[in-house]
Structure formats: C-alpha cells, structure tokens
Amino acid sequence: MDYEQIPVRAENIITQDVDGEALILNNHGAEIHQLNDVASFIWSYCDSKHSIADIIHIILDSYAVSEKQATDDVNAVISELQDKGLIG
C-alpha cells in the first residue's frame, strides 16, 4: 500500500453518525455500509487532507495499540473502503 496516498471519498455518498459508528449510503448502488467505531474513526480522516501514513499516526496517538496493529487496521479498512467504491 502507498502510505503517501491521500484517500478521497467517492462522490454521491451520504454519511450519518449513529452512536459513534458511521452509516454510509452509496447512491450509485443504493447500498448501506455500517462501520464499527475504529473503521468510523479511520473514515473520518479519509477527507482529502490526510495520507494513509497520517491516519496511522493519528491512530497511534489516539489508541493504545502497537504500530503494527495500527498499520494492519488502517490497511484493512482502507482496502475494504476501496473495494466497496467508497474511497479512491
């Protein structure tokens, strides 16, 4: 994964926060995606301003996890969001 990549949210999506978890509606496929709290936290930084490396560092500053765990979590979430067409 290119850690300098800056995740950009896809167009035509609607996001709603419900009890700390993001619900994302993809208007293209009329699909609803529910993210857990960690994935929602990562999603919040997929804002066209933060690189993947930035997001990993933010996770390290915000949670008591190892660098490997933060990197693995961010890689998994970013990959899933890309696979679902929610970020580019």
C-alpha atoms as a PDB file:
ATOM      1  CA  MET A   1       0.000   0.000   0.000  1.00  0.00           C
ATOM      2  CA  ASP A   2       1.216   3.505  -0.823  1.00  0.00           C
ATOM      3  CA  TYR A   3       1.317   5.225   2.554  1.00  0.00           C
ATOM      4  CA  GLU A   4       1.573   8.673   0.961  1.00  0.00           C
ATOM      5  CA  GLN A   5      -1.760   8.120  -0.821  1.00  0.00           C
ATOM      6  CA  ILE A   6      -4.464  10.516   0.313  1.00  0.00           C
ATOM      7  CA  PRO A   7      -7.830   8.735   0.488  1.00  0.00           C
ATOM      8  CA  VAL A   8     -10.626  10.710  -1.171  1.00  0.00           C
ATOM      9  CA  ARG A   9     -14.268   9.935  -0.521  1.00  0.00           C
ATOM     10  CA  ALA A  10     -16.333   8.971  -3.538  1.00  0.00           C
ATOM     11  CA  GLU A  11     -18.923  11.398  -4.815  1.00  0.00           C
ATOM     12  CA  ASN A  12     -22.635  10.836  -4.227  1.00  0.00           C
ATOM     13  CA  ILE A  13     -22.359   9.259  -0.800  1.00  0.00           C
ATOM     14  CA  ILE A  14     -24.183  10.234   2.354  1.00  0.00           C
ATOM     15  CA  THR A  15     -22.707   9.637   5.811  1.00  0.00           C
ATOM     16  CA  GLN A  16     -24.588   9.581   9.098  1.00  0.00           C
ATOM     17  CA  ASP A  17     -23.045   9.032  12.530  1.00  0.00           C
ATOM     18  CA  VAL A  18     -25.109   6.766  14.798  1.00  0.00           C
ATOM     19  CA  ASP A  19     -23.743   6.103  18.281  1.00  0.00           C
ATOM     20  CA  GLY A  20     -20.122   6.520  17.167  1.00  0.00           C
ATOM     21  CA  GLU A  21     -20.482   4.338  14.094  1.00  0.00           C
ATOM     22  CA  ALA A  22     -20.720   5.610  10.546  1.00  0.00           C
ATOM     23  CA  LEU A  23     -23.541   4.602   8.236  1.00  0.00           C
ATOM     24  CA  ILE A  24     -22.629   5.266   4.618  1.00  0.00           C
ATOM     25  CA  LEU A  25     -25.157   5.291   1.804  1.00  0.00           C
ATOM     26  CA  ASN A  26     -23.689   4.818  -1.648  1.00  0.00           C
ATOM     27  CA  ASN A  27     -26.190   6.421  -4.017  1.00  0.00           C
ATOM     28  CA  HIS A  28     -24.735   4.632  -7.057  1.00  0.00           C
ATOM     29  CA  GLY A  29     -25.666   1.199  -5.808  1.00  0.00           C
ATOM     30  CA  ALA A  30     -28.180   2.198  -3.154  1.00  0.00           C
ATOM     31  CA  GLU A  31     -26.105   0.224  -0.641  1.00  0.00           C
ATOM     32  CA  ILE A  32     -25.765   0.957   3.060  1.00  0.00           C
ATOM     33  CA  HIS A  33     -22.467   0.247   4.801  1.00  0.00           C
ATOM     34  CA  GLN A  34     -22.099   0.240   8.585  1.00  0.00           C
ATOM     35  CA  LEU A  35     -18.632   0.841  10.011  1.00  0.00           C
ATOM     36  CA  ASN A  36     -17.553  -0.097  13.524  1.00  0.00           C
ATOM     37  CA  ASP A  37     -16.012   2.550  15.780  1.00  0.00           C
ATOM     38  CA  VAL A  38     -12.409   2.057  14.603  1.00  0.00           C
ATOM     39  CA  ALA A  39     -13.380   1.976  10.925  1.00  0.00           C
ATOM     40  CA  SER A  40     -15.543   5.065  11.512  1.00  0.00           C
ATOM     41  CA  PHE A  41     -12.567   6.839  13.081  1.00  0.00           C
ATOM     42  CA  ILE A  42     -10.418   5.972  10.055  1.00  0.00           C
ATOM     43  CA  TRP A  43     -13.248   7.018   7.708  1.00  0.00           C
ATOM     44  CA  SER A  44     -13.376  10.426   9.368  1.00  0.00           C
ATOM     45  CA  TYR A  45      -9.799  11.064   8.203  1.00  0.00           C
ATOM     46  CA  CYS A  46     -10.477   9.992   4.598  1.00  0.00           C
ATOM     47  CA  ASP A  47     -11.071  13.658   3.934  1.00  0.00           C
ATOM     48  CA  SER A  48      -8.733  14.515   1.041  1.00  0.00           C
ATOM     49  CA  LYS A  49      -6.320  16.061   3.583  1.00  0.00           C
ATOM     50  CA  HIS A  50      -4.677  13.133   5.374  1.00  0.00           C
ATOM     51  CA  SER A  51      -2.407  10.496   3.870  1.00  0.00           C
ATOM     52  CA  ILE A  52      -2.595   6.870   4.934  1.00  0.00           C
ATOM     53  CA  ALA A  53       0.630   7.451   6.914  1.00  0.00           C
ATOM     54  CA  ASP A  54      -1.049  10.403   8.657  1.00  0.00           C
ATOM     55  CA  ILE A  55      -4.027   8.233   9.587  1.00  0.00           C
ATOM     56  CA  ILE A  56      -1.746   5.550  11.045  1.00  0.00           C
ATOM     57  CA  HIS A  57      -0.006   8.189  13.188  1.00  0.00           C
ATOM     58  CA  ILE A  58      -3.362   9.589  14.319  1.00  0.00           C
ATOM     59  CA  ILE A  59      -4.448   6.071  15.356  1.00  0.00           C
ATOM     60  CA  LEU A  60      -1.194   5.659  17.313  1.00  0.00           C
ATOM     61  CA  ASP A  61      -1.798   8.980  19.087  1.00  0.00           C
ATOM     62  CA  SER A  62      -5.445   8.154  19.848  1.00  0.00           C
ATOM     63  CA  TYR A  63      -5.421   4.458  20.794  1.00  0.00           C
ATOM     64  CA  ALA A  64      -3.171   2.253  22.897  1.00  0.00           C
ATOM     65  CA  VAL A  65      -2.118  -0.027  20.040  1.00  0.00           C
ATOM     66  CA  SER A  66       1.177  -1.077  18.506  1.00  0.00           C
ATOM     67  CA  GLU A  67       2.400   0.397  15.237  1.00  0.00           C
ATOM     68  CA  LYS A  68       1.829  -2.985  13.584  1.00  0.00           C
ATOM     69  CA  GLN A  69      -1.777  -3.143  14.837  1.00  0.00           C
ATOM     70  CA  ALA A  70      -2.474   0.449  13.714  1.00  0.00           C
ATOM     71  CA  THR A  71      -0.935  -0.236  10.292  1.00  0.00           C
ATOM     72  CA  ASP A  72      -2.839  -3.518   9.885  1.00  0.00           C
ATOM     73  CA  ASP A  73      -6.141  -1.910  10.899  1.00  0.00           C
ATOM     74  CA  VAL A  74      -5.722   1.093   8.608  1.00  0.00           C
ATOM     75  CA  ASN A  75      -4.651  -1.115   5.686  1.00  0.00           C
ATOM     76  CA  ALA A  76      -7.666  -3.401   6.182  1.00  0.00           C
ATOM     77  CA  VAL A  77     -10.177  -0.560   6.448  1.00  0.00           C
ATOM     78  CA  ILE A  78      -8.721   1.417   3.522  1.00  0.00           C
ATOM     79  CA  SER A  79      -8.690  -1.723   1.346  1.00  0.00           C
ATOM     80  CA  GLU A  80     -12.300  -2.521   2.221  1.00  0.00           C
ATOM     81  CA  LEU A  81     -13.444   1.065   1.567  1.00  0.00           C
ATOM     82  CA  GLN A  82     -11.657   0.983  -1.801  1.00  0.00           C
ATOM     83  CA  ASP A  83     -13.157  -2.411  -2.681  1.00  0.00           C
ATOM     84  CA  LYS A  84     -16.650  -1.062  -1.936  1.00  0.00           C
ATOM     85  CA  GLY A  85     -16.011   2.050  -4.059  1.00  0.00           C
ATOM     86  CA  LEU A  86     -16.371   4.429  -1.113  1.00  0.00           C
ATOM     87  CA  ILE A  87     -12.904   5.979  -1.471  1.00  0.00           C
ATOM     88  CA  GLY A  88     -10.442   6.405  -4.256  1.00  0.00           C
END
